[in-house]
Amino acid sequence: MKDNAPTLTADLLLQAYQVGVFPMSEGRDDPEVFWVDPRMRGVFPLDGFRISRSLARRMRQSTYTVTFDSAFADVVRGCADRDETWINATIFELYCELHATGFAHSIEVWDKERLVGGVYGVTIGAAFFGESMFSRATDASKIALAYLVDRLRLSGFQLFDTQFITPHLASLGAVEIPREHYHALLAQVLSQDVSFDAKSSVPKAQDVIQRNAQTS
């Protein structure tokens, strides 16, 4: 069921996440927003994310640099920069508001001064709700995910929600679980006091790779 977009607020958005639903729009020019609660939910087991040999080699050898929360709005714009997108103006503004209040975070991948990939999402308790990612260079979104999963593990997060699952996410270790299972997991982690800590230093690629090998 659709809601009139102007009634949607950042507080309502946070409440929606806590009961297991998230917003989407039919397209960038559609002013309306609807709520989604998939029957099968995509999640990343935080000990199941796989850095392949080719991705590890890319991370070691590339000239890419990674940052956290340094270009949140640009990451959302990058995610929306495709022929079909669920990110309309209302959704864009609300996630920027959540970022300003510390509930939404981004991981950026740069080739010198050019933003070539990234991922963003929302944090509540020990849950990270992944919203979208994009890539303008080989493996850039995979590198963003590798650094994101590493940060979530180090910070004590327990749930990485990907909403839906795609062949790309499945190849990296994402799985589907039934709605009831997801809601039970969500209830367990919402009250935990966990911080994404975007201001801490970004690890070296080799450290991310090594920790992944130890946990996956």
C-alpha atoms as a PDB file:
ATOM      1  CA  MET A   1       0.000   0.000   0.000  1.00  0.00           C
ATOM      2  CA  LYS A   2       1.347   3.415  -0.921  1.00  0.00           C
ATOM      3  CA  ASP A   3       1.647   6.411   1.362  1.00  0.00           C
ATOM      4  CA  ASN A   4       1.698  10.004   0.262  1.00  0.00           C
ATOM      5  CA  ALA A   5       5.429  10.832   0.210  1.00  0.00           C
ATOM      6  CA  PRO A   6       5.279  14.137   2.170  1.00  0.00           C
ATOM      7  CA  THR A   7       3.968  12.274   5.252  1.00  0.00           C
ATOM      8  CA  LEU A   8       7.094  10.127   5.405  1.00  0.00           C
ATOM      9  CA  THR A   9       9.612  11.346   7.992  1.00  0.00           C
ATOM     10  CA  ALA A  10      13.029  10.164   9.115  1.00  0.00           C
ATOM     11  CA  ASP A  11      11.579   9.054  12.465  1.00  0.00           C
ATOM     12  CA  LEU A  12       8.910   7.008  10.712  1.00  0.00           C
ATOM     13  CA  LEU A  13      11.601   5.471   8.531  1.00  0.00           C
ATOM     14  CA  LEU A  14      13.540   4.337  11.612  1.00  0.00           C
ATOM     15  CA  GLN A  15      10.378   2.885  13.122  1.00  0.00           C
ATOM     16  CA  ALA A  16       9.729   0.976   9.906  1.00  0.00           C
ATOM     17  CA  TYR A  17      13.160  -0.631   9.958  1.00  0.00           C
ATOM     18  CA  GLN A  18      12.581  -1.773  13.525  1.00  0.00           C
ATOM     19  CA  VAL A  19       9.476  -3.712  12.498  1.00  0.00           C
ATOM     20  CA  GLY A  20      11.158  -5.209   9.453  1.00  0.00           C
ATOM     21  CA  VAL A  21       9.940  -3.065   6.548  1.00  0.00           C
ATOM     22  CA  PHE A  22      11.707  -0.617   4.254  1.00  0.00           C
ATOM     23  CA  PRO A  23      10.625   1.997   1.689  1.00  0.00           C
ATOM     24  CA  MET A  24      10.820   1.950  -2.084  1.00  0.00           C
ATOM     25  CA  SER A  25       9.461   4.023  -4.942  1.00  0.00           C
ATOM     26  CA  GLU A  26       8.432   2.900  -8.422  1.00  0.00           C
ATOM     27  CA  GLY A  27      10.982   5.302  -9.914  1.00  0.00           C
ATOM     28  CA  ARG A  28      12.928   8.523  -9.466  1.00  0.00           C
ATOM     29  CA  ASP A  29      10.018  10.607 -10.776  1.00  0.00           C
ATOM     30  CA  ASP A  30       7.312   8.845  -8.765  1.00  0.00           C
ATOM     31  CA  PRO A  31       6.498  10.994  -5.694  1.00  0.00           C
ATOM     32  CA  GLU A  32       4.953   8.092  -3.789  1.00  0.00           C
ATOM     33  CA  VAL A  33       6.646   5.569  -1.502  1.00  0.00           C
ATOM     34  CA  PHE A  34       5.522   2.083  -0.555  1.00  0.00           C
ATOM     35  CA  TRP A  35       6.618  -0.302   2.214  1.00  0.00           C
ATOM     36  CA  VAL A  36       8.221  -3.674   1.524  1.00  0.00           C
ATOM     37  CA  ASP A  37       8.480  -6.748   3.774  1.00  0.00           C
ATOM     38  CA  PRO A  38       9.787  -9.570   1.535  1.00  0.00           C
ATOM     39  CA  ARG A  39       8.625 -13.129   2.127  1.00  0.00           C
ATOM     40  CA  MET A  40      12.262 -14.207   1.716  1.00  0.00           C
ATOM     41  CA  ARG A  41      14.877 -11.792   3.074  1.00  0.00           C
ATOM     42  CA  GLY A  42      18.442 -11.410   1.879  1.00  0.00           C
ATOM     43  CA  VAL A  43      21.121 -11.323   4.597  1.00  0.00           C
ATOM     44  CA  PHE A  44      24.912 -11.504   4.715  1.00  0.00           C
ATOM     45  CA  PRO A  45      26.127 -13.872   7.428  1.00  0.00           C
ATOM     46  CA  LEU A  46      29.002 -11.763   8.730  1.00  0.00           C
ATOM     47  CA  ASP A  47      31.237 -14.822   8.962  1.00  0.00           C
ATOM     48  CA  GLY A  48      30.270 -15.924   5.457  1.00  0.00           C
ATOM     49  CA  PHE A  49      31.374 -13.030   3.261  1.00  0.00           C
ATOM     50  CA  ARG A  50      33.917 -14.358   0.774  1.00  0.00           C
ATOM     51  CA  ILE A  51      36.873 -12.412  -0.589  1.00  0.00           C
ATOM     52  CA  SER A  52      37.935 -14.424  -3.632  1.00  0.00           C
ATOM     53  CA  ARG A  53      41.542 -14.726  -4.725  1.00  0.00           C
ATOM     54  CA  SER A  54      40.918 -12.382  -7.626  1.00  0.00           C
ATOM     55  CA  LEU A  55      39.256  -9.790  -5.384  1.00  0.00           C
ATOM     56  CA  ALA A  56      42.065 -10.058  -2.839  1.00  0.00           C
ATOM     57  CA  ARG A  57      44.582  -9.514  -5.626  1.00  0.00           C
ATOM     58  CA  ARG A  58      42.617  -6.480  -6.813  1.00  0.00           C
ATOM     59  CA  MET A  59      42.521  -5.044  -3.288  1.00  0.00           C
ATOM     60  CA  ARG A  60      46.287  -5.461  -2.880  1.00  0.00           C
ATOM     61  CA  GLN A  61      47.289  -4.136  -6.272  1.00  0.00           C
ATOM     62  CA  SER A  62      44.733  -1.439  -7.098  1.00  0.00           C
ATOM     63  CA  THR A  63      45.256   2.257  -6.602  1.00  0.00           C
ATOM     64  CA  TYR A  64      41.782   2.606  -5.076  1.00  0.00           C
ATOM     65  CA  THR A  65      41.391   4.253  -1.701  1.00  0.00           C
ATOM     66  CA  VAL A  66      38.501   3.674   0.704  1.00  0.00           C
ATOM     67  CA  THR A  67      36.763   6.133   3.029  1.00  0.00           C
ATOM     68  CA  PHE A  68      33.822   6.058   5.407  1.00  0.00           C
ATOM     69  CA  ASP A  69      31.101   8.724   5.542  1.00  0.00           C
ATOM     70  CA  SER A  70      33.060  11.217   3.461  1.00  0.00           C
ATOM     71  CA  ALA A  71      30.621  11.527   0.531  1.00  0.00           C
ATOM     72  CA  PHE A  72      27.307  10.058   1.662  1.00  0.00           C
ATOM     73  CA  ALA A  73      25.048  12.050  -0.670  1.00  0.00           C
ATOM     74  CA  ASP A  74      27.287  11.280  -3.640  1.00  0.00           C
ATOM     75  CA  VAL A  75      27.081   7.561  -2.885  1.00  0.00           C
ATOM     76  CA  VAL A  76      23.276   7.707  -2.816  1.00  0.00           C
ATOM     77  CA  ARG A  77      23.340   9.641  -6.096  1.00  0.00           C
ATOM     78  CA  GLY A  78      25.632   6.997  -7.556  1.00  0.00           C
ATOM     79  CA  CYS A  79      23.218   4.259  -6.487  1.00  0.00           C
ATOM     80  CA  ALA A  80      20.330   6.140  -8.117  1.00  0.00           C
ATOM     81  CA  ASP A  81      22.261   6.806 -11.342  1.00  0.00           C
ATOM     82  CA  ARG A  82      20.785   3.969 -13.399  1.00  0.00           C
ATOM     83  CA  ASP A  83      17.954   3.517 -15.871  1.00  0.00           C
ATOM     84  CA  GLU A  84      15.585   2.155 -13.218  1.00  0.00           C
ATOM     85  CA  THR A  85      15.848   3.172  -9.571  1.00  0.00           C
ATOM     86  CA  TRP A  86      13.642   3.050  -6.466  1.00  0.00           C
ATOM     87  CA  ILE A  87      15.379   6.147  -5.037  1.00  0.00           C
ATOM     88  CA  ASN A  88      13.157   9.188  -5.558  1.00  0.00           C
ATOM     89  CA  ALA A  89      13.703  12.712  -4.191  1.00  0.00           C
ATOM     90  CA  THR A  90      11.917  11.979  -0.917  1.00  0.00           C
ATOM     91  CA  ILE A  91      13.961   8.856  -0.214  1.00  0.00           C
ATOM     92  CA  PHE A  92      17.177  10.680  -1.100  1.00  0.00           C
ATOM     93  CA  GLU A  93      16.414  13.531   1.299  1.00  0.00           C
ATOM     94  CA  LEU A  94      15.374  11.245   4.154  1.00  0.00           C
ATOM     95  CA  TYR A  95      18.512   9.119   3.985  1.00  0.00           C
ATOM     96  CA  CYS A  96      20.647  12.246   3.953  1.00  0.00           C
ATOM     97  CA  GLU A  97      18.769  13.323   7.083  1.00  0.00           C
ATOM     98  CA  LEU A  98      19.442   9.946   8.697  1.00  0.00           C
ATOM     99  CA  HIS A  99      23.108  10.358   7.814  1.00  0.00           C
ATOM    100  CA  ALA A 100      23.198  13.796   9.427  1.00  0.00           C
ATOM    101  CA  THR A 101      21.785  12.311  12.639  1.00  0.00           C
ATOM    102  CA  GLY A 102      24.201   9.357  12.679  1.00  0.00           C
ATOM    103  CA  PHE A 103      21.863   6.568  11.578  1.00  0.00           C
ATOM    104  CA  ALA A 104      23.031   6.160   7.967  1.00  0.00           C
ATOM    105  CA  HIS A 105      26.552   5.510   6.741  1.00  0.00           C
ATOM    106  CA  SER A 106      28.441   5.123   3.492  1.00  0.00           C
ATOM    107  CA  ILE A 107      31.599   3.457   2.283  1.00  0.00           C
ATOM    108  CA  GLU A 108      33.292   5.149  -0.658  1.00  0.00           C
ATOM    109  CA  VAL A 109      35.823   3.753  -3.126  1.00  0.00           C
ATOM    110  CA  TRP A 110      37.947   6.303  -4.959  1.00  0.00           C
ATOM    111  CA  ASP A 111      40.269   6.193  -7.943  1.00  0.00           C
ATOM    112  CA  LYS A 112      42.319   9.257  -7.092  1.00  0.00           C
ATOM    113  CA  GLU A 113      39.640  11.975  -6.801  1.00  0.00           C
ATOM    114  CA  ARG A 114      36.941  10.095  -8.727  1.00  0.00           C
ATOM    115  CA  LEU A 115      34.242   8.237  -6.809  1.00  0.00           C
ATOM    116  CA  VAL A 116      34.065   4.835  -8.529  1.00  0.00           C
ATOM    117  CA  GLY A 117      31.968   2.788  -6.119  1.00  0.00           C
ATOM    118  CA  GLY A 118      30.201   2.675  -2.811  1.00  0.00           C
ATOM    119  CA  VAL A 119      27.526   1.267  -0.566  1.00  0.00           C
ATOM    120  CA  TYR A 120      25.249   2.847   2.016  1.00  0.00           C
ATOM    121  CA  GLY A 121      22.813   1.742   4.686  1.00  0.00           C
ATOM    122  CA  VAL A 122      21.156   2.376   8.021  1.00  0.00           C
ATOM    123  CA  THR A 123      22.276   1.247  11.484  1.00  0.00           C
ATOM    124  CA  ILE A 124      20.016   0.560  14.453  1.00  0.00           C
ATOM    125  CA  GLY A 125      21.318  -1.418  17.407  1.00  0.00           C
ATOM    126  CA  ALA A 126      23.500  -4.239  16.080  1.00  0.00           C
ATOM    127  CA  ALA A 127      21.759  -4.296  12.693  1.00  0.00           C
ATOM    128  CA  PHE A 128      23.022  -2.814   9.448  1.00  0.00           C
ATOM    129  CA  PHE A 129      20.345  -2.401   6.797  1.00  0.00           C
ATOM    130  CA  GLY A 130      22.127  -2.291   3.452  1.00  0.00           C
ATOM    131  CA  GLU A 131      20.252  -0.079   1.032  1.00  0.00           C
ATOM    132  CA  SER A 132      22.132   0.026  -2.243  1.00  0.00           C
ATOM    133  CA  MET A 133      25.550  -0.001  -3.887  1.00  0.00           C
ATOM    134  CA  PHE A 134      27.072   1.028  -7.183  1.00  0.00           C
ATOM    135  CA  SER A 135      30.223   0.517  -9.201  1.00  0.00           C
ATOM    136  CA  ARG A 136      31.840   2.562 -11.948  1.00  0.00           C
ATOM    137  CA  ALA A 137      35.073   0.546 -12.058  1.00  0.00           C
ATOM    138  CA  THR A 138      35.996  -3.126 -11.860  1.00  0.00           C
ATOM    139  CA  ASP A 139      35.275  -4.648  -8.424  1.00  0.00           C
ATOM    140  CA  ALA A 140      34.671  -1.249  -6.791  1.00  0.00           C
ATOM    141  CA  SER A 141      31.382  -2.275  -5.156  1.00  0.00           C
ATOM    142  CA  LYS A 142      32.902  -5.596  -4.030  1.00  0.00           C
ATOM    143  CA  ILE A 143      35.740  -3.708  -2.362  1.00  0.00           C
ATOM    144  CA  ALA A 144      33.236  -1.422  -0.650  1.00  0.00           C
ATOM    145  CA  LEU A 145      31.378  -4.479   0.662  1.00  0.00           C
ATOM    146  CA  ALA A 146      34.601  -6.103   1.878  1.00  0.00           C
ATOM    147  CA  TYR A 147      35.495  -3.033   3.925  1.00  0.00           C
ATOM    148  CA  LEU A 148      31.910  -2.702   5.164  1.00  0.00           C
ATOM    149  CA  VAL A 149      31.726  -6.301   6.390  1.00  0.00           C
ATOM    150  CA  ASP A 150      35.114  -5.890   8.070  1.00  0.00           C
ATOM    151  CA  ARG A 151      33.885  -2.780   9.899  1.00  0.00           C
ATOM    152  CA  LEU A 152      30.646  -4.488  10.944  1.00  0.00           C
ATOM    153  CA  ARG A 153      32.540  -7.466  12.350  1.00  0.00           C
ATOM    154  CA  LEU A 154      35.016  -5.314  14.256  1.00  0.00           C
ATOM    155  CA  SER A 155      32.213  -3.157  15.675  1.00  0.00           C
ATOM    156  CA  GLY A 156      30.122  -6.074  16.926  1.00  0.00           C
ATOM    157  CA  PHE A 157      27.208  -5.982  14.500  1.00  0.00           C
ATOM    158  CA  GLN A 158      25.119  -9.141  14.363  1.00  0.00           C
ATOM    159  CA  LEU A 159      22.841  -8.643  11.354  1.00  0.00           C
ATOM    160  CA  PHE A 160      23.590  -7.403   7.839  1.00  0.00           C
ATOM    161  CA  ASP A 161      20.291  -7.091   5.993  1.00  0.00           C
ATOM    162  CA  THR A 162      20.559  -6.929   2.185  1.00  0.00           C
ATOM    163  CA  GLN A 163      16.748  -6.833   1.711  1.00  0.00           C
ATOM    164  CA  PHE A 164      16.783  -8.888  -1.485  1.00  0.00           C
ATOM    165  CA  ILE A 165      19.357 -11.270  -2.887  1.00  0.00           C
ATOM    166  CA  THR A 166      20.931 -11.107  -6.328  1.00  0.00           C
ATOM    167  CA  PRO A 167      23.350 -13.496  -8.064  1.00  0.00           C
ATOM    168  CA  HIS A 168      26.080 -10.923  -7.393  1.00  0.00           C
ATOM    169  CA  LEU A 169      25.382 -10.881  -3.644  1.00  0.00           C
ATOM    170  CA  ALA A 170      24.967 -14.664  -3.529  1.00  0.00           C
ATOM    171  CA  SER A 171      28.404 -15.103  -5.103  1.00  0.00           C
ATOM    172  CA  LEU A 172      29.859 -13.153  -2.180  1.00  0.00           C
ATOM    173  CA  GLY A 173      28.070 -15.204   0.487  1.00  0.00           C
ATOM    174  CA  ALA A 174      24.608 -13.653   0.902  1.00  0.00           C
ATOM    175  CA  VAL A 175      21.707 -16.023   1.599  1.00  0.00           C
ATOM    176  CA  GLU A 176      17.930 -15.914   1.844  1.00  0.00           C
ATOM    177  CA  ILE A 177      15.988 -16.592   5.024  1.00  0.00           C
ATOM    178  CA  PRO A 178      12.205 -16.691   5.623  1.00  0.00           C
ATOM    179  CA  ARG A 179      10.466 -13.542   6.815  1.00  0.00           C
ATOM    180  CA  GLU A 180       9.698 -15.056  10.241  1.00  0.00           C
ATOM    181  CA  HIS A 181      13.348 -15.980  10.789  1.00  0.00           C
ATOM    182  CA  TYR A 182      14.456 -12.492   9.802  1.00  0.00           C
ATOM    183  CA  HIS A 183      12.009 -10.831  12.179  1.00  0.00           C
ATOM    184  CA  ALA A 184      13.211 -13.054  15.024  1.00  0.00           C
ATOM    185  CA  LEU A 185      16.853 -12.144  14.335  1.00  0.00           C
ATOM    186  CA  LEU A 186      15.960  -8.475  14.109  1.00  0.00           C
ATOM    187  CA  ALA A 187      14.224  -8.498  17.485  1.00  0.00           C
ATOM    188  CA  GLN A 188      17.338  -9.963  19.097  1.00  0.00           C
ATOM    189  CA  VAL A 189      19.759  -7.276  17.898  1.00  0.00           C
ATOM    190  CA  LEU A 190      17.854  -3.986  17.958  1.00  0.00           C
ATOM    191  CA  SER A 191      18.483  -3.250  21.635  1.00  0.00           C
ATOM    192  CA  GLN A 192      22.231  -3.931  21.502  1.00  0.00           C
ATOM    193  CA  ASP A 193      24.510  -0.913  21.925  1.00  0.00           C
ATOM    194  CA  VAL A 194      26.810  -0.999  18.905  1.00  0.00           C
ATOM    195  CA  SER A 195      28.524   1.873  17.077  1.00  0.00           C
ATOM    196  CA  PHE A 196      29.532   1.915  13.420  1.00  0.00           C
ATOM    197  CA  ASP A 197      32.393   4.279  14.356  1.00  0.00           C
ATOM    198  CA  ALA A 198      32.926   5.809  10.922  1.00  0.00           C
ATOM    199  CA  LYS A 199      35.585   8.164  12.292  1.00  0.00           C
ATOM    200  CA  SER A 200      38.064   5.424  13.160  1.00  0.00           C
ATOM    201  CA  SER A 201      40.923   4.805  10.760  1.00  0.00           C
ATOM    202  CA  VAL A 202      40.364   2.844   7.563  1.00  0.00           C
ATOM    203  CA  PRO A 203      42.312  -0.442   7.663  1.00  0.00           C
ATOM    204  CA  LYS A 204      44.864  -1.527   5.096  1.00  0.00           C
ATOM    205  CA  ALA A 205      43.675  -3.884   2.389  1.00  0.00           C
ATOM    206  CA  GLN A 206      45.915  -6.689   3.659  1.00  0.00           C
ATOM    207  CA  ASP A 207      44.378  -6.447   7.138  1.00  0.00           C
ATOM    208  CA  VAL A 208      40.857  -6.709   5.698  1.00  0.00           C
ATOM    209  CA  ILE A 209      41.868  -9.729   3.621  1.00  0.00           C
ATOM    210  CA  GLN A 210      43.590 -11.454   6.532  1.00  0.00           C
ATOM    211  CA  ARG A 211      40.678 -10.991   8.931  1.00  0.00           C
ATOM    212  CA  ASN A 212      38.293 -12.278   6.269  1.00  0.00           C
ATOM    213  CA  ALA A 213      40.392 -15.420   5.825  1.00  0.00           C
ATOM    214  CA  GLN A 214      40.265 -16.023   9.580  1.00  0.00           C
ATOM    215  CA  THR A 215      36.479 -15.697   9.890  1.00  0.00           C
ATOM    216  CA  SER A 216      34.986 -16.973   6.610  1.00  0.00           C
END
